[in-house]
Amino acid sequence: MLTQLRQDHANMARLLHVLSLKHKTLEQGERPDFHLVREVVDYILDYMDTFTVPLERLYSEHLLAKVPEADELSRHLAEDYQALHERLNQLSQNIDMILMDAVVPMDRFADDLKAYLDAHRAYLRAEREQLFPLIREHLTDEDQMRLLKMLPEGAEASLSRLQEAYPQLYAEFKEAPSPFS
């Protein structure tokens, strides 16, 4: 189970790397491929809604049943996650405006993108450093296998859809360095 979570984290970190390359393009005063940025944002939003939210709910329920003192961490992560989702939705709306040739200040968009990237990386780090050790310590292998069976389809199916639906994004994703190797 933790292997699956780590792989999902690595995949998300690679997607964030793709976005950070587009951010660097913006910082250099150039216009990135906003269609590709749109694909990344759409993919992450879809992944958050279809996989991450159910995963978080499932883990919170099972972990809190065994470790009630993890309630504060669970609440904190849920709040951070909600804030991430809101930031990403705002980026999505701004990308829509840019693609419709509306005036969107690029410096503000670049700042919003950077804030999102920083927040998402901090969220992944908090999960790795705080949540994963609790899972490892308090959920048995049997618990984790039972939870794994209850999860929606994971990263592998999601990556297959990514390859089919967003070939350009998938190509950049595959080129991005693996953050944990």
C-alpha atoms as a PDB file:
ATOM      1  CA  MET A   1       0.000   0.000   0.000  1.00  0.00           C
ATOM      2  CA  LEU A   2       2.722   2.456   0.921  1.00  0.00           C
ATOM      3  CA  THR A   3       4.509   1.486  -2.270  1.00  0.00           C
ATOM      4  CA  GLN A   4       1.405   2.517  -4.235  1.00  0.00           C
ATOM      5  CA  LEU A   5       1.204   5.807  -2.322  1.00  0.00           C
ATOM      6  CA  ARG A   6       4.878   6.519  -2.910  1.00  0.00           C
ATOM      7  CA  GLN A   7       4.478   5.794  -6.621  1.00  0.00           C
ATOM      8  CA  ASP A   8       1.485   8.141  -6.763  1.00  0.00           C
ATOM      9  CA  HIS A   9       3.585  10.799  -5.034  1.00  0.00           C
ATOM     10  CA  ALA A  10       6.416  10.302  -7.517  1.00  0.00           C
ATOM     11  CA  ASN A  11       4.001  10.603 -10.439  1.00  0.00           C
ATOM     12  CA  MET A  12       2.462  13.768  -9.011  1.00  0.00           C
ATOM     13  CA  ALA A  13       5.925  15.228  -8.406  1.00  0.00           C
ATOM     14  CA  ARG A  14       6.758  14.583 -12.067  1.00  0.00           C
ATOM     15  CA  LEU A  15       3.587  16.392 -13.161  1.00  0.00           C
ATOM     16  CA  LEU A  16       4.495  19.289 -10.879  1.00  0.00           C
ATOM     17  CA  HIS A  17       7.934  19.299 -12.505  1.00  0.00           C
ATOM     18  CA  VAL A  18       6.285  19.689 -15.926  1.00  0.00           C
ATOM     19  CA  LEU A  19       4.326  22.666 -14.571  1.00  0.00           C
ATOM     20  CA  SER A  20       7.467  24.136 -13.007  1.00  0.00           C
ATOM     21  CA  LEU A  21       9.154  24.066 -16.428  1.00  0.00           C
ATOM     22  CA  LYS A  22       6.230  26.072 -17.799  1.00  0.00           C
ATOM     23  CA  HIS A  23       6.600  28.450 -14.853  1.00  0.00           C
ATOM     24  CA  LYS A  24      10.263  28.962 -15.742  1.00  0.00           C
ATOM     25  CA  THR A  25       9.206  29.806 -19.290  1.00  0.00           C
ATOM     26  CA  LEU A  26       6.874  32.463 -17.873  1.00  0.00           C
ATOM     27  CA  GLU A  27       9.636  33.854 -15.654  1.00  0.00           C
ATOM     28  CA  GLN A  28      11.827  34.245 -18.727  1.00  0.00           C
ATOM     29  CA  GLY A  29       9.149  36.429 -20.260  1.00  0.00           C
ATOM     30  CA  GLU A  30       8.060  33.842 -22.793  1.00  0.00           C
ATOM     31  CA  ARG A  31       4.664  32.328 -23.343  1.00  0.00           C
ATOM     32  CA  PRO A  32       4.451  28.612 -22.479  1.00  0.00           C
ATOM     33  CA  ASP A  33       2.197  26.172 -24.284  1.00  0.00           C
ATOM     34  CA  PHE A  34      -0.992  26.997 -22.382  1.00  0.00           C
ATOM     35  CA  HIS A  35      -2.780  24.062 -23.993  1.00  0.00           C
ATOM     36  CA  LEU A  36      -0.267  21.757 -22.337  1.00  0.00           C
ATOM     37  CA  VAL A  37      -0.630  23.642 -19.037  1.00  0.00           C
ATOM     38  CA  ARG A  38      -4.397  23.158 -19.436  1.00  0.00           C
ATOM     39  CA  GLU A  39      -3.851  19.397 -19.904  1.00  0.00           C
ATOM     40  CA  VAL A  40      -1.727  19.146 -16.752  1.00  0.00           C
ATOM     41  CA  VAL A  41      -4.213  21.123 -14.668  1.00  0.00           C
ATOM     42  CA  ASP A  42      -7.172  19.109 -16.003  1.00  0.00           C
ATOM     43  CA  TYR A  43      -5.382  15.856 -15.331  1.00  0.00           C
ATOM     44  CA  ILE A  44      -4.436  16.833 -11.763  1.00  0.00           C
ATOM     45  CA  LEU A  45      -7.965  18.056 -11.013  1.00  0.00           C
ATOM     46  CA  ASP A  46      -9.430  14.820 -12.345  1.00  0.00           C
ATOM     47  CA  TYR A  47      -6.911  12.737 -10.416  1.00  0.00           C
ATOM     48  CA  MET A  48      -7.610  14.655  -7.214  1.00  0.00           C
ATOM     49  CA  ASP A  49     -11.356  14.154  -7.562  1.00  0.00           C
ATOM     50  CA  THR A  50     -11.394  10.524  -8.670  1.00  0.00           C
ATOM     51  CA  PHE A  51      -8.494   9.048  -6.722  1.00  0.00           C
ATOM     52  CA  THR A  52      -6.999  11.290  -4.071  1.00  0.00           C
ATOM     53  CA  VAL A  53     -10.195  12.420  -2.338  1.00  0.00           C
ATOM     54  CA  PRO A  54     -11.505   8.845  -1.874  1.00  0.00           C
ATOM     55  CA  LEU A  55      -8.042   7.742  -0.762  1.00  0.00           C
ATOM     56  CA  GLU A  56      -7.780  10.503   1.836  1.00  0.00           C
ATOM     57  CA  ARG A  57     -11.260   9.734   3.169  1.00  0.00           C
ATOM     58  CA  LEU A  58     -10.575   6.011   3.413  1.00  0.00           C
ATOM     59  CA  TYR A  59      -7.247   6.422   5.152  1.00  0.00           C
ATOM     60  CA  SER A  60      -8.531   9.053   7.542  1.00  0.00           C
ATOM     61  CA  GLU A  61     -11.411   6.868   8.658  1.00  0.00           C
ATOM     62  CA  HIS A  62      -9.281   3.765   9.202  1.00  0.00           C
ATOM     63  CA  LEU A  63      -6.306   5.537  10.708  1.00  0.00           C
ATOM     64  CA  LEU A  64      -8.415   7.619  13.101  1.00  0.00           C
ATOM     65  CA  ALA A  65     -10.160   4.461  14.301  1.00  0.00           C
ATOM     66  CA  LYS A  66      -6.757   3.160  15.424  1.00  0.00           C
ATOM     67  CA  VAL A  67      -4.992   6.435  16.250  1.00  0.00           C
ATOM     68  CA  PRO A  68      -7.465   9.062  17.494  1.00  0.00           C
ATOM     69  CA  GLU A  69      -4.609  11.488  18.183  1.00  0.00           C
ATOM     70  CA  ALA A  70      -4.034  11.661  14.411  1.00  0.00           C
ATOM     71  CA  ASP A  71      -7.208  13.749  14.171  1.00  0.00           C
ATOM     72  CA  GLU A  72      -5.310  17.050  14.145  1.00  0.00           C
ATOM     73  CA  LEU A  73      -2.978  15.865  11.378  1.00  0.00           C
ATOM     74  CA  SER A  74      -5.943  14.560   9.403  1.00  0.00           C
ATOM     75  CA  ARG A  75      -7.792  17.869   9.729  1.00  0.00           C
ATOM     76  CA  HIS A  76      -4.674  19.844   8.828  1.00  0.00           C
ATOM     77  CA  LEU A  77      -4.043  17.738   5.703  1.00  0.00           C
ATOM     78  CA  ALA A  78      -7.710  17.973   4.688  1.00  0.00           C
ATOM     79  CA  GLU A  79      -7.631  21.771   5.018  1.00  0.00           C
ATOM     80  CA  ASP A  80      -4.381  22.001   3.056  1.00  0.00           C
ATOM     81  CA  TYR A  81      -5.824  19.742   0.394  1.00  0.00           C
ATOM     82  CA  GLN A  82      -8.956  21.858   0.079  1.00  0.00           C
ATOM     83  CA  ALA A  83      -6.799  24.970  -0.293  1.00  0.00           C
ATOM     84  CA  LEU A  84      -4.750  23.187  -2.995  1.00  0.00           C
ATOM     85  CA  HIS A  85      -7.900  22.274  -4.851  1.00  0.00           C
ATOM     86  CA  GLU A  86      -9.100  25.900  -4.712  1.00  0.00           C
ATOM     87  CA  ARG A  87      -5.735  27.187  -5.987  1.00  0.00           C
ATOM     88  CA  LEU A  88      -5.832  24.709  -8.839  1.00  0.00           C
ATOM     89  CA  ASN A  89      -9.408  25.647  -9.743  1.00  0.00           C
ATOM     90  CA  GLN A  90      -8.362  29.307  -9.840  1.00  0.00           C
ATOM     91  CA  LEU A  91      -5.443  28.442 -12.134  1.00  0.00           C
ATOM     92  CA  SER A  92      -7.860  26.500 -14.318  1.00  0.00           C
ATOM     93  CA  GLN A  93     -10.159  29.508 -14.622  1.00  0.00           C
ATOM     94  CA  ASN A  94      -7.222  31.775 -15.459  1.00  0.00           C
ATOM     95  CA  ILE A  95      -6.012  29.340 -18.123  1.00  0.00           C
ATOM     96  CA  ASP A  96      -9.499  29.359 -19.634  1.00  0.00           C
ATOM     97  CA  MET A  97      -9.331  33.150 -19.809  1.00  0.00           C
ATOM     98  CA  ILE A  98      -5.848  33.067 -21.376  1.00  0.00           C
ATOM     99  CA  LEU A  99      -6.937  30.518 -23.985  1.00  0.00           C
ATOM    100  CA  MET A 100      -9.915  32.751 -24.849  1.00  0.00           C
ATOM    101  CA  ASP A 101      -7.445  35.632 -25.363  1.00  0.00           C
ATOM    102  CA  ALA A 102      -8.736  37.573 -22.362  1.00  0.00           C
ATOM    103  CA  VAL A 103      -6.300  39.870 -20.628  1.00  0.00           C
ATOM    104  CA  VAL A 104      -4.690  38.061 -17.708  1.00  0.00           C
ATOM    105  CA  PRO A 105      -1.557  39.619 -16.216  1.00  0.00           C
ATOM    106  CA  MET A 106       1.180  37.070 -16.802  1.00  0.00           C
ATOM    107  CA  ASP A 107       3.130  38.113 -13.708  1.00  0.00           C
ATOM    108  CA  ARG A 108       0.075  37.422 -11.528  1.00  0.00           C
ATOM    109  CA  PHE A 109      -0.530  34.107 -13.276  1.00  0.00           C
ATOM    110  CA  ALA A 110       3.139  33.155 -12.791  1.00  0.00           C
ATOM    111  CA  ASP A 111       2.918  34.058  -9.079  1.00  0.00           C
ATOM    112  CA  ASP A 112      -0.282  32.008  -8.687  1.00  0.00           C
ATOM    113  CA  LEU A 113       1.296  29.051 -10.471  1.00  0.00           C
ATOM    114  CA  LYS A 114       4.399  29.251  -8.258  1.00  0.00           C
ATOM    115  CA  ALA A 115       2.259  29.456  -5.106  1.00  0.00           C
ATOM    116  CA  TYR A 116       0.305  26.396  -6.221  1.00  0.00           C
ATOM    117  CA  LEU A 117       3.479  24.425  -6.991  1.00  0.00           C
ATOM    118  CA  ASP A 118       5.010  25.314  -3.623  1.00  0.00           C
ATOM    119  CA  ALA A 119       1.810  24.421  -1.763  1.00  0.00           C
ATOM    120  CA  HIS A 120       1.387  21.096  -3.538  1.00  0.00           C
ATOM    121  CA  ARG A 121       4.992  20.104  -2.918  1.00  0.00           C
ATOM    122  CA  ALA A 122       4.611  21.041   0.764  1.00  0.00           C
ATOM    123  CA  TYR A 123       1.468  18.919   0.949  1.00  0.00           C
ATOM    124  CA  LEU A 124       3.237  15.893  -0.548  1.00  0.00           C
ATOM    125  CA  ARG A 125       6.132  16.406   1.878  1.00  0.00           C
ATOM    126  CA  ALA A 126       3.754  16.550   4.881  1.00  0.00           C
ATOM    127  CA  GLU A 127       2.133  13.313   3.801  1.00  0.00           C
ATOM    128  CA  ARG A 128       5.515  11.592   3.370  1.00  0.00           C
ATOM    129  CA  GLU A 129       6.925  12.883   6.646  1.00  0.00           C
ATOM    130  CA  GLN A 130       3.847  12.763   8.888  1.00  0.00           C
ATOM    131  CA  LEU A 131       1.114  10.538   7.443  1.00  0.00           C
ATOM    132  CA  PHE A 132       3.156   7.701   5.957  1.00  0.00           C
ATOM    133  CA  PRO A 133       4.970   6.934   9.238  1.00  0.00           C
ATOM    134  CA  LEU A 134       1.597   6.711  11.022  1.00  0.00           C
ATOM    135  CA  ILE A 135       0.293   4.332   8.385  1.00  0.00           C
ATOM    136  CA  ARG A 136       3.425   2.216   8.610  1.00  0.00           C
ATOM    137  CA  GLU A 137       3.254   2.129  12.403  1.00  0.00           C
ATOM    138  CA  HIS A 138      -0.470   1.617  12.984  1.00  0.00           C
ATOM    139  CA  LEU A 139      -1.915  -0.219   9.996  1.00  0.00           C
ATOM    140  CA  THR A 140      -0.982  -3.861   9.584  1.00  0.00           C
ATOM    141  CA  ASP A 141      -0.185  -5.379   6.214  1.00  0.00           C
ATOM    142  CA  GLU A 142      -3.647  -6.962   6.336  1.00  0.00           C
ATOM    143  CA  ASP A 143      -5.265  -3.565   7.017  1.00  0.00           C
ATOM    144  CA  GLN A 144      -3.369  -2.050   4.125  1.00  0.00           C
ATOM    145  CA  MET A 145      -4.321  -4.862   1.730  1.00  0.00           C
ATOM    146  CA  ARG A 146      -7.980  -4.492   2.704  1.00  0.00           C
ATOM    147  CA  LEU A 147      -7.779  -0.735   2.078  1.00  0.00           C
ATOM    148  CA  LEU A 148      -6.004  -1.266  -1.224  1.00  0.00           C
ATOM    149  CA  LYS A 149      -8.923  -3.371  -2.440  1.00  0.00           C
ATOM    150  CA  MET A 150     -11.356  -0.598  -1.438  1.00  0.00           C
ATOM    151  CA  LEU A 151      -9.563   2.127  -3.394  1.00  0.00           C
ATOM    152  CA  PRO A 152     -10.631   3.357  -6.806  1.00  0.00           C
ATOM    153  CA  GLU A 153      -8.391   2.440  -9.703  1.00  0.00           C
ATOM    154  CA  GLY A 154      -4.931   3.733  -9.015  1.00  0.00           C
ATOM    155  CA  ALA A 155      -2.133   5.457 -10.782  1.00  0.00           C
ATOM    156  CA  GLU A 156      -1.482   2.820 -13.427  1.00  0.00           C
ATOM    157  CA  ALA A 157      -4.947   3.089 -14.975  1.00  0.00           C
ATOM    158  CA  SER A 158      -4.790   6.835 -14.573  1.00  0.00           C
ATOM    159  CA  LEU A 159      -1.448   6.992 -16.398  1.00  0.00           C
ATOM    160  CA  SER A 160      -2.847   4.886 -19.225  1.00  0.00           C
ATOM    161  CA  ARG A 161      -5.667   7.409 -19.629  1.00  0.00           C
ATOM    162  CA  LEU A 162      -3.086  10.193 -19.496  1.00  0.00           C
ATOM    163  CA  GLN A 163      -1.113   8.616 -22.334  1.00  0.00           C
ATOM    164  CA  GLU A 164      -4.223   8.221 -24.485  1.00  0.00           C
ATOM    165  CA  ALA A 165      -5.907  11.555 -23.743  1.00  0.00           C
ATOM    166  CA  TYR A 166      -2.855  13.826 -23.476  1.00  0.00           C
ATOM    167  CA  PRO A 167      -0.003  12.416 -25.582  1.00  0.00           C
ATOM    168  CA  GLN A 168       2.093  15.609 -25.446  1.00  0.00           C
ATOM    169  CA  LEU A 169       1.730  15.818 -21.665  1.00  0.00           C
ATOM    170  CA  TYR A 170       2.556  12.127 -21.301  1.00  0.00           C
ATOM    171  CA  ALA A 171       5.735  12.628 -23.334  1.00  0.00           C
ATOM    172  CA  GLU A 172       6.846  15.472 -21.049  1.00  0.00           C
ATOM    173  CA  PHE A 173       5.798  13.456 -17.978  1.00  0.00           C
ATOM    174  CA  LYS A 174       8.006  10.536 -19.063  1.00  0.00           C
ATOM    175  CA  GLU A 175      10.950  12.906 -19.606  1.00  0.00           C
ATOM    176  CA  ALA A 176      10.585  14.495 -16.152  1.00  0.00           C
ATOM    177  CA  PRO A 177      13.081  13.190 -13.612  1.00  0.00           C
ATOM    178  CA  SER A 178      11.779  10.818 -10.977  1.00  0.00           C
ATOM    179  CA  PRO A 179      11.957  12.783  -7.738  1.00  0.00           C
ATOM    180  CA  PHE A 180      12.739   9.863  -5.441  1.00  0.00           C
ATOM    181  CA  SER A 181      15.278   7.874  -7.443  1.00  0.00           C
END
